Amino acid sequence: MHVNQKSVSNQTHRITYTHIKTGGPRICFMFSGLGYTYEKPLLYYVTMLMLKREIDVVHIHYTYPKELMTKSTDEIADVMMKDIDLVLQDVLSHNNYKNIIFAGKSLGTIPLIQRVMKDEVYKDAVMLLLTPLLTRSELFESLLERTHNGLIVIGTRDHYYTEEVYQLKTNKMNIEVIENADHSLDVLYTPTESLKALETVLNGIEQLL
């Protein structure tokens, strides 16, 4: 296994990413949340799961001010894709992967749903949407129109949770609702239940892989 840190840029943007190579034919691009980074439990163990299955992993290291969340959903997606596209183009132009997986957490699900999932290039990619911002109507409506294979995970105490989430379940898209879990998929003051929630998510992802 090789771990490469790389920086890519154009005339207006510069961004770094970590590329963990296992030598396998598949890759998972991961989009973190605003404050939920790749060292936090959910993304850490999703990374470990990918590496266990010999799936290469790319962590995209973007940072944005909290004020970004006051913008419209499409504005947020546009801002983030200017960075994300640099990484996608750099990685995919230098490597020959047969299958692509995308995993987004919270903020990271916005460009994934609004831009990546609408791109014909990625129509066969597996989508892992971890605590998506479902109360943003644009995201929910976009998901209703998608036919990707994947998994949506959200907790009932997440402030972005809506009971309408089950409308998004299709033959290819699975829904996992974690009772009493918050936006970090933690069950407050109950460590064992939080660990069970994490196990549920990992089992759901493993079934897709």
N, C-alpha and C. Protein backbone atom coordinates (compact mmCIF):
# COMPACT_ATOMS: atom_id res chain seq x y z
N MET A 1 0.84 -1.19 0.00
CA MET A 1 0.00 0.00 0.00
C MET A 1 0.88 1.25 0.00
N HIS A 2 0.52 2.20 -0.83
CA HIS A 2 1.28 3.45 -0.93
C HIS A 2 0.36 4.64 -0.64
N VAL A 3 0.86 5.60 0.10
CA VAL A 3 0.10 6.80 0.43
C VAL A 3 0.80 8.01 -0.18
N ASN A 4 0.10 8.68 -1.08
CA ASN A 4 0.67 9.85 -1.76
C ASN A 4 -0.11 11.11 -1.41
N GLN A 5 0.59 12.15 -1.03
CA GLN A 5 0.00 13.46 -0.82
C GLN A 5 0.31 14.30 -2.05
N LYS A 6 -0.71 14.91 -2.60
CA LYS A 6 -0.48 15.66 -3.83
C LYS A 6 -1.27 16.96 -3.81
N SER A 7 -0.75 17.94 -4.52
CA SER A 7 -1.43 19.23 -4.67
C SER A 7 -1.65 19.49 -6.15
N VAL A 8 -2.85 19.96 -6.48
CA VAL A 8 -3.15 20.31 -7.87
C VAL A 8 -3.71 21.72 -7.91
N SER A 9 -3.52 22.39 -9.04
CA SER A 9 -3.98 23.78 -9.11
C SER A 9 -4.25 24.19 -10.55
N ASN A 10 -5.02 25.26 -10.66
CA ASN A 10 -5.17 25.95 -11.94
C ASN A 10 -4.92 27.43 -11.67
N GLN A 11 -5.38 28.30 -12.52
CA GLN A 11 -5.09 29.73 -12.35
C GLN A 11 -5.75 30.34 -11.12
N THR A 12 -6.83 29.74 -10.64
CA THR A 12 -7.56 30.34 -9.53
C THR A 12 -7.67 29.46 -8.29
N HIS A 13 -7.43 28.16 -8.43
CA HIS A 13 -7.64 27.26 -7.30
C HIS A 13 -6.44 26.34 -7.08
N ARG A 14 -6.25 25.98 -5.83
CA ARG A 14 -5.21 25.02 -5.44
C ARG A 14 -5.77 24.15 -4.33
N ILE A 15 -5.59 22.84 -4.45
CA ILE A 15 -6.15 21.94 -3.45
C ILE A 15 -5.24 20.72 -3.30
N THR A 16 -5.23 20.15 -2.11
CA THR A 16 -4.43 18.95 -1.87
C THR A 16 -5.34 17.75 -1.68
N TYR A 17 -4.78 16.59 -1.93
CA TYR A 17 -5.52 15.36 -1.67
C TYR A 17 -4.55 14.24 -1.28
N THR A 18 -5.09 13.25 -0.60
CA THR A 18 -4.32 12.07 -0.21
C THR A 18 -4.83 10.88 -1.02
N HIS A 19 -3.94 10.21 -1.71
CA HIS A 19 -4.28 9.07 -2.55
C HIS A 19 -3.66 7.82 -1.93
N ILE A 20 -4.51 6.94 -1.40
CA ILE A 20 -4.04 5.69 -0.79
C ILE A 20 -4.23 4.58 -1.82
N LYS A 21 -3.13 4.00 -2.26
CA LYS A 21 -3.16 3.01 -3.34
C LYS A 21 -2.95 1.60 -2.80
N THR A 22 -3.86 0.71 -3.18
CA THR A 22 -3.75 -0.69 -2.80
C THR A 22 -3.34 -1.57 -3.98
N GLY A 23 -3.43 -1.01 -5.18
CA GLY A 23 -3.14 -1.79 -6.38
C GLY A 23 -4.36 -2.43 -6.99
N GLY A 24 -5.54 -2.18 -6.40
CA GLY A 24 -6.78 -2.75 -6.90
C GLY A 24 -7.35 -1.94 -8.06
N PRO A 25 -8.40 -2.46 -8.71
CA PRO A 25 -8.97 -1.81 -9.89
C PRO A 25 -10.08 -0.80 -9.57
N ARG A 26 -10.41 -0.64 -8.28
CA ARG A 26 -11.50 0.26 -7.89
C ARG A 26 -10.98 1.42 -7.06
N ILE A 27 -11.76 2.52 -7.06
CA ILE A 27 -11.36 3.69 -6.28
C ILE A 27 -12.57 4.32 -5.61
N CYS A 28 -12.36 4.85 -4.42
CA CYS A 28 -13.40 5.58 -3.70
C CYS A 28 -12.93 7.00 -3.43
N PHE A 29 -13.64 7.97 -4.00
CA PHE A 29 -13.38 9.38 -3.72
C PHE A 29 -14.23 9.79 -2.53
N MET A 30 -13.62 10.40 -1.53
CA MET A 30 -14.34 10.77 -0.32
C MET A 30 -14.41 12.28 -0.16
N PHE A 31 -15.63 12.78 0.13
CA PHE A 31 -15.88 14.20 0.34
C PHE A 31 -16.29 14.40 1.80
N SER A 32 -15.48 15.05 2.57
CA SER A 32 -15.74 15.22 4.00
C SER A 32 -16.81 16.28 4.26
N GLY A 33 -17.19 16.40 5.54
CA GLY A 33 -18.13 17.43 5.95
C GLY A 33 -17.40 18.72 6.27
N LEU A 34 -18.13 19.72 6.71
CA LEU A 34 -17.53 21.02 7.02
C LEU A 34 -16.57 20.91 8.20
N GLY A 35 -16.97 20.19 9.24
CA GLY A 35 -16.10 19.98 10.39
C GLY A 35 -15.84 18.52 10.66
N TYR A 36 -16.45 17.67 9.83
CA TYR A 36 -16.31 16.22 10.01
C TYR A 36 -15.27 15.71 9.02
N THR A 37 -14.03 15.58 9.52
CA THR A 37 -12.90 15.26 8.65
C THR A 37 -12.67 13.75 8.58
N TYR A 38 -11.66 13.37 7.83
CA TYR A 38 -11.40 11.96 7.56
C TYR A 38 -10.87 11.19 8.77
N GLU A 39 -10.50 11.91 9.82
CA GLU A 39 -10.03 11.24 11.04
C GLU A 39 -11.19 10.90 11.98
N LYS A 40 -12.37 11.45 11.71
CA LYS A 40 -13.53 11.16 12.56
C LYS A 40 -14.00 9.73 12.31
N PRO A 41 -14.68 9.12 13.30
CA PRO A 41 -14.97 7.67 13.24
C PRO A 41 -15.61 7.18 11.95
N LEU A 42 -16.66 7.83 11.49
CA LEU A 42 -17.38 7.32 10.33
C LEU A 42 -16.49 7.24 9.10
N LEU A 43 -15.83 8.34 8.76
CA LEU A 43 -15.00 8.36 7.56
C LEU A 43 -13.73 7.55 7.73
N TYR A 44 -13.22 7.49 8.96
CA TYR A 44 -12.02 6.68 9.23
C TYR A 44 -12.31 5.20 8.94
N TYR A 45 -13.44 4.72 9.46
CA TYR A 45 -13.73 3.29 9.30
C TYR A 45 -14.25 2.95 7.90
N VAL A 46 -14.89 3.90 7.24
CA VAL A 46 -15.24 3.67 5.84
C VAL A 46 -13.96 3.54 5.01
N THR A 47 -12.97 4.38 5.32
CA THR A 47 -11.67 4.27 4.66
C THR A 47 -11.05 2.90 4.90
N MET A 48 -11.06 2.45 6.16
CA MET A 48 -10.49 1.14 6.49
C MET A 48 -11.21 0.02 5.75
N LEU A 49 -12.52 0.15 5.62
CA LEU A 49 -13.30 -0.87 4.91
C LEU A 49 -12.91 -0.94 3.44
N MET A 50 -12.73 0.23 2.83
CA MET A 50 -12.32 0.27 1.42
C MET A 50 -10.96 -0.39 1.24
N LEU A 51 -10.02 -0.07 2.10
CA LEU A 51 -8.67 -0.62 1.98
C LEU A 51 -8.68 -2.13 2.21
N LYS A 52 -9.53 -2.59 3.12
CA LYS A 52 -9.67 -4.03 3.36
C LYS A 52 -10.11 -4.74 2.08
N ARG A 53 -10.97 -4.07 1.29
CA ARG A 53 -11.47 -4.67 0.05
C ARG A 53 -10.59 -4.33 -1.16
N GLU A 54 -9.40 -3.81 -0.88
CA GLU A 54 -8.42 -3.43 -1.93
C GLU A 54 -8.99 -2.41 -2.89
N ILE A 55 -9.67 -1.44 -2.31
CA ILE A 55 -10.20 -0.31 -3.08
C ILE A 55 -9.36 0.92 -2.74
N ASP A 56 -8.77 1.54 -3.74
CA ASP A 56 -7.99 2.76 -3.51
C ASP A 56 -8.89 3.85 -2.95
N VAL A 57 -8.32 4.75 -2.18
CA VAL A 57 -9.09 5.83 -1.54
C VAL A 57 -8.43 7.18 -1.81
N VAL A 58 -9.26 8.16 -2.14
CA VAL A 58 -8.78 9.54 -2.26
C VAL A 58 -9.53 10.42 -1.27
N HIS A 59 -8.79 11.05 -0.37
CA HIS A 59 -9.35 12.04 0.55
C HIS A 59 -9.09 13.42 -0.02
N ILE A 60 -10.15 14.17 -0.30
CA ILE A 60 -10.00 15.52 -0.84
C ILE A 60 -10.02 16.52 0.32
N HIS A 61 -8.97 17.32 0.43
CA HIS A 61 -8.79 18.19 1.59
C HIS A 61 -9.20 19.63 1.28
N TYR A 62 -10.50 19.88 1.30
CA TYR A 62 -10.99 21.25 1.10
C TYR A 62 -11.37 21.86 2.45
N THR A 63 -11.30 23.17 2.51
CA THR A 63 -11.75 23.91 3.70
C THR A 63 -12.55 25.12 3.23
N TYR A 64 -13.66 25.36 3.92
CA TYR A 64 -14.53 26.48 3.56
C TYR A 64 -15.03 27.16 4.84
N PRO A 65 -15.31 28.44 4.77
CA PRO A 65 -15.88 29.14 5.93
C PRO A 65 -17.31 28.68 6.18
N LYS A 66 -17.77 28.79 7.42
CA LYS A 66 -19.13 28.39 7.77
C LYS A 66 -20.17 29.18 6.98
N GLU A 67 -19.79 30.39 6.56
CA GLU A 67 -20.71 31.24 5.80
C GLU A 67 -21.14 30.60 4.48
N LEU A 68 -20.36 29.62 4.03
CA LEU A 68 -20.73 28.95 2.78
C LEU A 68 -22.12 28.35 2.88
N MET A 69 -22.50 27.89 4.06
CA MET A 69 -23.78 27.22 4.25
C MET A 69 -24.96 28.16 4.11
N THR A 70 -24.72 29.48 4.10
CA THR A 70 -25.81 30.44 3.92
C THR A 70 -26.15 30.63 2.43
N LYS A 71 -25.31 30.09 1.57
CA LYS A 71 -25.54 30.24 0.13
C LYS A 71 -26.55 29.19 -0.35
N SER A 72 -27.02 29.36 -1.57
CA SER A 72 -27.95 28.40 -2.14
C SER A 72 -27.24 27.07 -2.39
N THR A 73 -28.01 26.02 -2.52
CA THR A 73 -27.45 24.69 -2.74
C THR A 73 -26.59 24.65 -4.00
N ASP A 74 -27.06 25.26 -5.08
CA ASP A 74 -26.30 25.26 -6.33
C ASP A 74 -25.03 26.10 -6.22
N GLU A 75 -25.08 27.18 -5.48
CA GLU A 75 -23.88 28.00 -5.29
C GLU A 75 -22.82 27.20 -4.52
N ILE A 76 -23.25 26.49 -3.49
CA ILE A 76 -22.32 25.66 -2.72
C ILE A 76 -21.70 24.59 -3.62
N ALA A 77 -22.54 23.94 -4.42
CA ALA A 77 -22.05 22.90 -5.31
C ALA A 77 -21.02 23.46 -6.29
N ASP A 78 -21.28 24.64 -6.83
CA ASP A 78 -20.36 25.25 -7.79
C ASP A 78 -19.01 25.58 -7.14
N VAL A 79 -19.06 26.15 -5.94
CA VAL A 79 -17.83 26.49 -5.22
C VAL A 79 -16.98 25.24 -4.99
N MET A 80 -17.62 24.18 -4.53
CA MET A 80 -16.89 22.97 -4.17
C MET A 80 -16.37 22.22 -5.40
N MET A 81 -17.16 22.22 -6.48
CA MET A 81 -16.74 21.48 -7.67
C MET A 81 -15.52 22.09 -8.34
N LYS A 82 -15.27 23.36 -8.13
CA LYS A 82 -14.07 23.97 -8.69
C LYS A 82 -12.82 23.33 -8.09
N ASP A 83 -12.92 22.89 -6.84
CA ASP A 83 -11.82 22.18 -6.19
C ASP A 83 -11.86 20.69 -6.53
N ILE A 84 -13.04 20.09 -6.38
CA ILE A 84 -13.19 18.65 -6.58
C ILE A 84 -12.82 18.22 -7.98
N ASP A 85 -13.24 18.99 -8.98
CA ASP A 85 -12.95 18.64 -10.37
C ASP A 85 -11.45 18.55 -10.64
N LEU A 86 -10.68 19.42 -9.99
CA LEU A 86 -9.23 19.38 -10.16
C LEU A 86 -8.68 18.02 -9.74
N VAL A 87 -9.20 17.51 -8.62
CA VAL A 87 -8.72 16.23 -8.10
C VAL A 87 -9.20 15.08 -8.97
N LEU A 88 -10.48 15.09 -9.33
CA LEU A 88 -11.02 14.00 -10.17
C LEU A 88 -10.24 13.90 -11.48
N GLN A 89 -10.00 15.04 -12.11
CA GLN A 89 -9.30 15.03 -13.39
C GLN A 89 -7.86 14.53 -13.24
N ASP A 90 -7.21 14.95 -12.16
CA ASP A 90 -5.82 14.56 -11.94
C ASP A 90 -5.70 13.06 -11.68
N VAL A 91 -6.54 12.55 -10.80
CA VAL A 91 -6.47 11.13 -10.44
C VAL A 91 -6.87 10.23 -11.61
N LEU A 92 -8.00 10.54 -12.24
CA LEU A 92 -8.52 9.66 -13.29
C LEU A 92 -7.71 9.73 -14.59
N SER A 93 -6.98 10.82 -14.79
CA SER A 93 -6.16 10.92 -16.00
C SER A 93 -4.83 10.17 -15.87
N HIS A 94 -4.45 9.86 -14.63
CA HIS A 94 -3.17 9.17 -14.40
C HIS A 94 -3.34 7.73 -13.94
N ASN A 95 -4.59 7.27 -13.81
CA ASN A 95 -4.85 5.92 -13.34
C ASN A 95 -6.00 5.32 -14.14
N ASN A 96 -5.97 4.00 -14.28
CA ASN A 96 -7.01 3.32 -15.05
C ASN A 96 -7.87 2.48 -14.09
N TYR A 97 -8.93 3.10 -13.57
CA TYR A 97 -9.82 2.40 -12.64
C TYR A 97 -11.04 1.88 -13.38
N LYS A 98 -11.47 0.66 -13.01
CA LYS A 98 -12.62 0.04 -13.67
C LYS A 98 -13.94 0.44 -13.01
N ASN A 99 -13.90 0.73 -11.70
CA ASN A 99 -15.11 1.09 -10.98
C ASN A 99 -14.83 2.25 -10.04
N ILE A 100 -15.84 3.14 -9.90
CA ILE A 100 -15.70 4.32 -9.04
C ILE A 100 -16.79 4.32 -7.97
N ILE A 101 -16.38 4.64 -6.76
CA ILE A 101 -17.30 4.81 -5.63
C ILE A 101 -17.12 6.23 -5.12
N PHE A 102 -18.22 6.89 -4.78
CA PHE A 102 -18.15 8.20 -4.15
C PHE A 102 -18.78 8.11 -2.76
N ALA A 103 -18.10 8.66 -1.77
CA ALA A 103 -18.64 8.70 -0.41
C ALA A 103 -18.62 10.13 0.09
N GLY A 104 -19.78 10.68 0.40
CA GLY A 104 -19.87 12.06 0.88
C GLY A 104 -20.51 12.12 2.25
N LYS A 105 -19.99 13.00 3.09
CA LYS A 105 -20.55 13.21 4.44
C LYS A 105 -21.05 14.64 4.56
N SER A 106 -22.34 14.79 4.86
CA SER A 106 -22.92 16.11 5.15
C SER A 106 -22.69 17.10 4.01
N LEU A 107 -21.90 18.14 4.24
CA LEU A 107 -21.60 19.13 3.20
C LEU A 107 -21.10 18.45 1.92
N GLY A 108 -20.32 17.39 2.10
CA GLY A 108 -19.75 16.70 0.95
C GLY A 108 -20.78 16.04 0.05
N THR A 109 -22.01 15.88 0.55
CA THR A 109 -23.05 15.27 -0.30
C THR A 109 -23.65 16.29 -1.27
N ILE A 110 -23.45 17.57 -1.03
CA ILE A 110 -24.04 18.59 -1.90
C ILE A 110 -23.48 18.52 -3.32
N PRO A 111 -22.15 18.62 -3.52
CA PRO A 111 -21.64 18.50 -4.89
C PRO A 111 -21.85 17.10 -5.46
N LEU A 112 -21.87 16.11 -4.58
CA LEU A 112 -22.08 14.74 -5.04
C LEU A 112 -23.47 14.58 -5.66
N ILE A 113 -24.49 15.10 -4.98
CA ILE A 113 -25.86 14.97 -5.47
C ILE A 113 -26.16 15.93 -6.62
N GLN A 114 -25.72 17.18 -6.46
CA GLN A 114 -26.10 18.22 -7.42
C GLN A 114 -25.25 18.25 -8.69
N ARG A 115 -24.06 17.68 -8.63
CA ARG A 115 -23.19 17.75 -9.80
C ARG A 115 -22.71 16.36 -10.26
N VAL A 116 -22.07 15.63 -9.40
CA VAL A 116 -21.48 14.34 -9.80
C VAL A 116 -22.54 13.35 -10.26
N MET A 117 -23.62 13.23 -9.50
CA MET A 117 -24.66 12.25 -9.83
C MET A 117 -25.43 12.63 -11.11
N LYS A 118 -25.34 13.88 -11.51
CA LYS A 118 -26.00 14.33 -12.74
C LYS A 118 -25.09 14.24 -13.95
N ASP A 119 -23.84 13.85 -13.72
CA ASP A 119 -22.85 13.75 -14.80
C ASP A 119 -22.92 12.34 -15.39
N GLU A 120 -23.15 12.27 -16.69
CA GLU A 120 -23.28 10.98 -17.38
C GLU A 120 -22.02 10.13 -17.23
N VAL A 121 -20.89 10.76 -17.04
CA VAL A 121 -19.62 10.04 -16.89
C VAL A 121 -19.66 9.10 -15.69
N TYR A 122 -20.42 9.53 -14.64
CA TYR A 122 -20.44 8.76 -13.39
C TYR A 122 -21.76 8.03 -13.17
N LYS A 123 -22.48 7.73 -14.25
CA LYS A 123 -23.81 7.12 -14.10
C LYS A 123 -23.75 5.72 -13.49
N ASP A 124 -22.60 5.04 -13.60
CA ASP A 124 -22.48 3.69 -13.06
C ASP A 124 -21.75 3.66 -11.72
N ALA A 125 -21.41 4.81 -11.18
CA ALA A 125 -20.69 4.86 -9.91
C ALA A 125 -21.61 4.51 -8.74
N VAL A 126 -21.03 3.94 -7.70
CA VAL A 126 -21.76 3.66 -6.46
C VAL A 126 -21.71 4.91 -5.58
N MET A 127 -22.87 5.30 -5.02
CA MET A 127 -22.96 6.53 -4.24
C MET A 127 -23.26 6.22 -2.77
N LEU A 128 -22.40 6.67 -1.88
CA LEU A 128 -22.60 6.53 -0.44
C LEU A 128 -22.87 7.91 0.13
N LEU A 129 -24.12 8.15 0.49
CA LEU A 129 -24.54 9.47 0.97
C LEU A 129 -24.75 9.38 2.48
N LEU A 130 -23.76 9.86 3.23
CA LEU A 130 -23.77 9.76 4.68
C LEU A 130 -24.27 11.07 5.28
N THR A 131 -25.41 11.02 5.93
CA THR A 131 -26.10 12.19 6.51
C THR A 131 -26.26 13.32 5.50
N PRO A 132 -26.88 13.06 4.36
CA PRO A 132 -27.12 14.13 3.37
C PRO A 132 -28.08 15.18 3.93
N LEU A 133 -28.03 16.37 3.38
CA LEU A 133 -28.82 17.50 3.88
C LEU A 133 -30.22 17.48 3.24
N LEU A 134 -31.01 16.50 3.64
CA LEU A 134 -32.28 16.21 2.95
C LEU A 134 -33.33 17.29 3.11
N THR A 135 -33.19 18.18 4.09
CA THR A 135 -34.17 19.25 4.24
C THR A 135 -33.94 20.38 3.22
N ARG A 136 -32.84 20.31 2.50
CA ARG A 136 -32.65 21.22 1.36
C ARG A 136 -33.43 20.62 0.20
N SER A 137 -34.51 21.27 -0.18
CA SER A 137 -35.44 20.70 -1.15
C SER A 137 -34.78 20.36 -2.48
N GLU A 138 -33.78 21.17 -2.89
CA GLU A 138 -33.12 20.92 -4.17
C GLU A 138 -32.41 19.55 -4.15
N LEU A 139 -31.79 19.22 -3.02
CA LEU A 139 -31.10 17.93 -2.92
C LEU A 139 -32.09 16.78 -2.95
N PHE A 140 -33.18 16.92 -2.21
CA PHE A 140 -34.17 15.86 -2.15
C PHE A 140 -34.76 15.61 -3.54
N GLU A 141 -35.11 16.69 -4.21
CA GLU A 141 -35.71 16.57 -5.54
C GLU A 141 -34.72 15.96 -6.55
N SER A 142 -33.45 16.31 -6.42
CA SER A 142 -32.44 15.74 -7.31
C SER A 142 -32.31 14.23 -7.09
N LEU A 143 -32.36 13.82 -5.82
CA LEU A 143 -32.24 12.40 -5.50
C LEU A 143 -33.43 11.59 -6.03
N LEU A 144 -34.59 12.20 -6.05
CA LEU A 144 -35.77 11.52 -6.57
C LEU A 144 -35.60 11.13 -8.04
N GLU A 145 -34.76 11.87 -8.75
CA GLU A 145 -34.58 11.65 -10.18
C GLU A 145 -33.40 10.73 -10.51
N ARG A 146 -32.62 10.34 -9.52
CA ARG A 146 -31.42 9.56 -9.78
C ARG A 146 -31.68 8.07 -9.75
N THR A 147 -30.86 7.31 -10.46
CA THR A 147 -31.03 5.86 -10.52
C THR A 147 -29.73 5.13 -10.15
N HIS A 148 -28.88 5.78 -9.39
CA HIS A 148 -27.60 5.17 -9.02
C HIS A 148 -27.76 4.05 -8.00
N ASN A 149 -26.80 3.17 -8.02
CA ASN A 149 -26.66 2.15 -6.99
C ASN A 149 -25.99 2.81 -5.78
N GLY A 150 -26.54 2.58 -4.58
CA GLY A 150 -25.90 3.21 -3.45
C GLY A 150 -26.64 3.07 -2.14
N LEU A 151 -26.26 3.91 -1.19
CA LEU A 151 -26.79 3.86 0.17
C LEU A 151 -26.94 5.27 0.73
N ILE A 152 -28.10 5.54 1.33
CA ILE A 152 -28.32 6.79 2.06
C ILE A 152 -28.44 6.44 3.53
N VAL A 153 -27.67 7.12 4.37
CA VAL A 153 -27.70 6.87 5.82
C VAL A 153 -27.98 8.18 6.54
N ILE A 154 -28.94 8.16 7.47
CA ILE A 154 -29.25 9.35 8.26
C ILE A 154 -29.88 8.93 9.58
N GLY A 155 -29.71 9.75 10.61
CA GLY A 155 -30.28 9.46 11.92
C GLY A 155 -31.56 10.24 12.15
N THR A 156 -32.41 9.72 13.00
CA THR A 156 -33.70 10.37 13.24
C THR A 156 -33.57 11.66 14.05
N ARG A 157 -32.43 11.86 14.72
CA ARG A 157 -32.20 13.10 15.46
C ARG A 157 -31.27 14.06 14.72
N ASP A 158 -31.00 13.74 13.50
CA ASP A 158 -30.24 14.65 12.63
C ASP A 158 -31.17 15.79 12.23
N HIS A 159 -30.71 17.03 12.33
CA HIS A 159 -31.55 18.17 11.98
C HIS A 159 -31.83 18.25 10.48
N TYR A 160 -31.17 17.40 9.69
CA TYR A 160 -31.47 17.34 8.27
C TYR A 160 -32.34 16.13 7.91
N TYR A 161 -32.81 15.43 8.93
CA TYR A 161 -33.64 14.24 8.71
C TYR A 161 -35.08 14.64 8.34
N THR A 162 -35.67 13.87 7.46
CA THR A 162 -37.08 14.00 7.14
C THR A 162 -37.65 12.60 6.97
N GLU A 163 -38.87 12.41 7.43
CA GLU A 163 -39.52 11.10 7.30
C GLU A 163 -39.75 10.73 5.84
N GLU A 164 -39.68 11.71 4.97
CA GLU A 164 -39.86 11.45 3.54
C GLU A 164 -38.67 10.73 2.91
N VAL A 165 -37.63 10.49 3.69
CA VAL A 165 -36.43 9.83 3.18
C VAL A 165 -36.75 8.50 2.51
N TYR A 166 -37.79 7.82 2.99
CA TYR A 166 -38.12 6.50 2.43
C TYR A 166 -38.61 6.59 0.99
N GLN A 167 -38.99 7.79 0.55
CA GLN A 167 -39.38 7.97 -0.84
C GLN A 167 -38.19 7.77 -1.79
N LEU A 168 -37.00 7.85 -1.23
CA LEU A 168 -35.79 7.77 -2.05
C LEU A 168 -35.32 6.33 -2.26
N LYS A 169 -35.95 5.39 -1.58
CA LYS A 169 -35.55 3.99 -1.71
C LYS A 169 -35.98 3.46 -3.08
N THR A 170 -35.03 2.85 -3.78
CA THR A 170 -35.30 2.23 -5.08
C THR A 170 -34.67 0.84 -5.06
N ASN A 171 -34.77 0.15 -6.19
CA ASN A 171 -34.14 -1.17 -6.29
C ASN A 171 -32.62 -1.09 -6.13
N LYS A 172 -32.07 0.07 -6.50
CA LYS A 172 -30.61 0.23 -6.43
C LYS A 172 -30.15 1.07 -5.24
N MET A 173 -31.01 1.95 -4.74
CA MET A 173 -30.63 2.83 -3.64
C MET A 173 -31.25 2.34 -2.33
N ASN A 174 -30.41 1.97 -1.39
CA ASN A 174 -30.88 1.52 -0.09
C ASN A 174 -30.94 2.68 0.90
N ILE A 175 -31.83 2.57 1.87
CA ILE A 175 -31.97 3.59 2.90
C ILE A 175 -31.71 2.96 4.26
N GLU A 176 -30.85 3.58 5.05
CA GLU A 176 -30.60 3.11 6.41
C GLU A 176 -30.86 4.28 7.36
N VAL A 177 -31.94 4.18 8.14
CA VAL A 177 -32.28 5.21 9.12
C VAL A 177 -31.88 4.70 10.51
N ILE A 178 -31.03 5.46 11.19
CA ILE A 178 -30.53 5.06 12.50
C ILE A 178 -31.34 5.77 13.58
N GLU A 179 -32.06 5.01 14.37
CA GLU A 179 -32.90 5.59 15.41
C GLU A 179 -32.06 6.34 16.45
N ASN A 180 -32.50 7.57 16.75
CA ASN A 180 -31.91 8.41 17.80
C ASN A 180 -30.48 8.87 17.50
N ALA A 181 -30.01 8.67 16.27
CA ALA A 181 -28.66 9.12 15.93
C ALA A 181 -28.69 10.56 15.43
N ASP A 182 -27.65 11.33 15.77
CA ASP A 182 -27.58 12.73 15.38
C ASP A 182 -26.82 12.89 14.06
N HIS A 183 -26.39 14.11 13.76
CA HIS A 183 -25.76 14.38 12.46
C HIS A 183 -24.39 13.71 12.32
N SER A 184 -23.79 13.33 13.45
CA SER A 184 -22.53 12.58 13.41
C SER A 184 -22.77 11.08 13.46
N LEU A 185 -24.05 10.71 13.45
CA LEU A 185 -24.49 9.33 13.62
C LEU A 185 -24.11 8.77 14.98
N ASP A 186 -24.02 9.67 15.95
CA ASP A 186 -23.82 9.27 17.35
C ASP A 186 -25.17 9.23 18.06
N VAL A 187 -25.33 8.25 18.94
CA VAL A 187 -26.51 8.19 19.80
C VAL A 187 -26.07 8.79 21.13
N LEU A 188 -26.60 9.96 21.45
CA LEU A 188 -26.10 10.79 22.54
C LEU A 188 -25.99 10.04 23.86
N TYR A 189 -24.80 10.13 24.47
CA TYR A 189 -24.51 9.55 25.79
C TYR A 189 -24.65 8.04 25.83
N THR A 190 -24.66 7.39 24.66
CA THR A 190 -24.78 5.92 24.62
C THR A 190 -23.72 5.37 23.68
N PRO A 191 -22.50 5.19 24.17
CA PRO A 191 -21.40 4.75 23.31
C PRO A 191 -21.68 3.43 22.60
N THR A 192 -22.26 2.48 23.31
CA THR A 192 -22.49 1.17 22.68
C THR A 192 -23.47 1.27 21.52
N GLU A 193 -24.49 2.12 21.67
CA GLU A 193 -25.46 2.31 20.57
C GLU A 193 -24.81 3.04 19.40
N SER A 194 -23.91 3.95 19.72
CA SER A 194 -23.19 4.66 18.65
C SER A 194 -22.32 3.70 17.85
N LEU A 195 -21.68 2.76 18.56
CA LEU A 195 -20.86 1.77 17.88
C LEU A 195 -21.71 0.83 17.03
N LYS A 196 -22.89 0.50 17.52
CA LYS A 196 -23.81 -0.34 16.75
C LYS A 196 -24.25 0.38 15.47
N ALA A 197 -24.48 1.70 15.59
CA ALA A 197 -24.86 2.49 14.41
C ALA A 197 -23.76 2.46 13.37
N LEU A 198 -22.52 2.61 13.83
CA LEU A 198 -21.37 2.56 12.93
C LEU A 198 -21.28 1.19 12.25
N GLU A 199 -21.51 0.15 13.02
CA GLU A 199 -21.47 -1.20 12.47
C GLU A 199 -22.56 -1.39 11.41
N THR A 200 -23.73 -0.84 11.67
CA THR A 200 -24.84 -0.93 10.71
C THR A 200 -24.46 -0.27 9.39
N VAL A 201 -23.84 0.90 9.48
CA VAL A 201 -23.42 1.62 8.27
C VAL A 201 -22.39 0.82 7.50
N LEU A 202 -21.39 0.31 8.20
CA LEU A 202 -20.32 -0.44 7.54
C LEU A 202 -20.85 -1.72 6.89
N ASN A 203 -21.79 -2.39 7.56
CA ASN A 203 -22.39 -3.59 6.99
C ASN A 203 -23.18 -3.25 5.72
N GLY A 204 -23.88 -2.11 5.76
CA GLY A 204 -24.64 -1.69 4.59
C GLY A 204 -23.75 -1.38 3.41
N ILE A 205 -22.61 -0.74 3.69
CA ILE A 205 -21.65 -0.43 2.61
C ILE A 205 -21.01 -1.70 2.08
N GLU A 206 -20.67 -2.60 2.98
CA GLU A 206 -20.00 -3.84 2.55
C GLU A 206 -20.89 -4.65 1.61
N GLN A 207 -22.17 -4.61 1.83
CA GLN A 207 -23.09 -5.34 0.96
C GLN A 207 -23.06 -4.80 -0.47
N LEU A 208 -22.77 -3.50 -0.60
CA LEU A 208 -22.71 -2.88 -1.93
C LEU A 208 -21.40 -3.18 -2.65
N LEU A 209 -20.37 -3.51 -1.88
CA LEU A 209 -19.05 -3.68 -2.46
C LEU A 209 -18.82 -5.09 -2.97
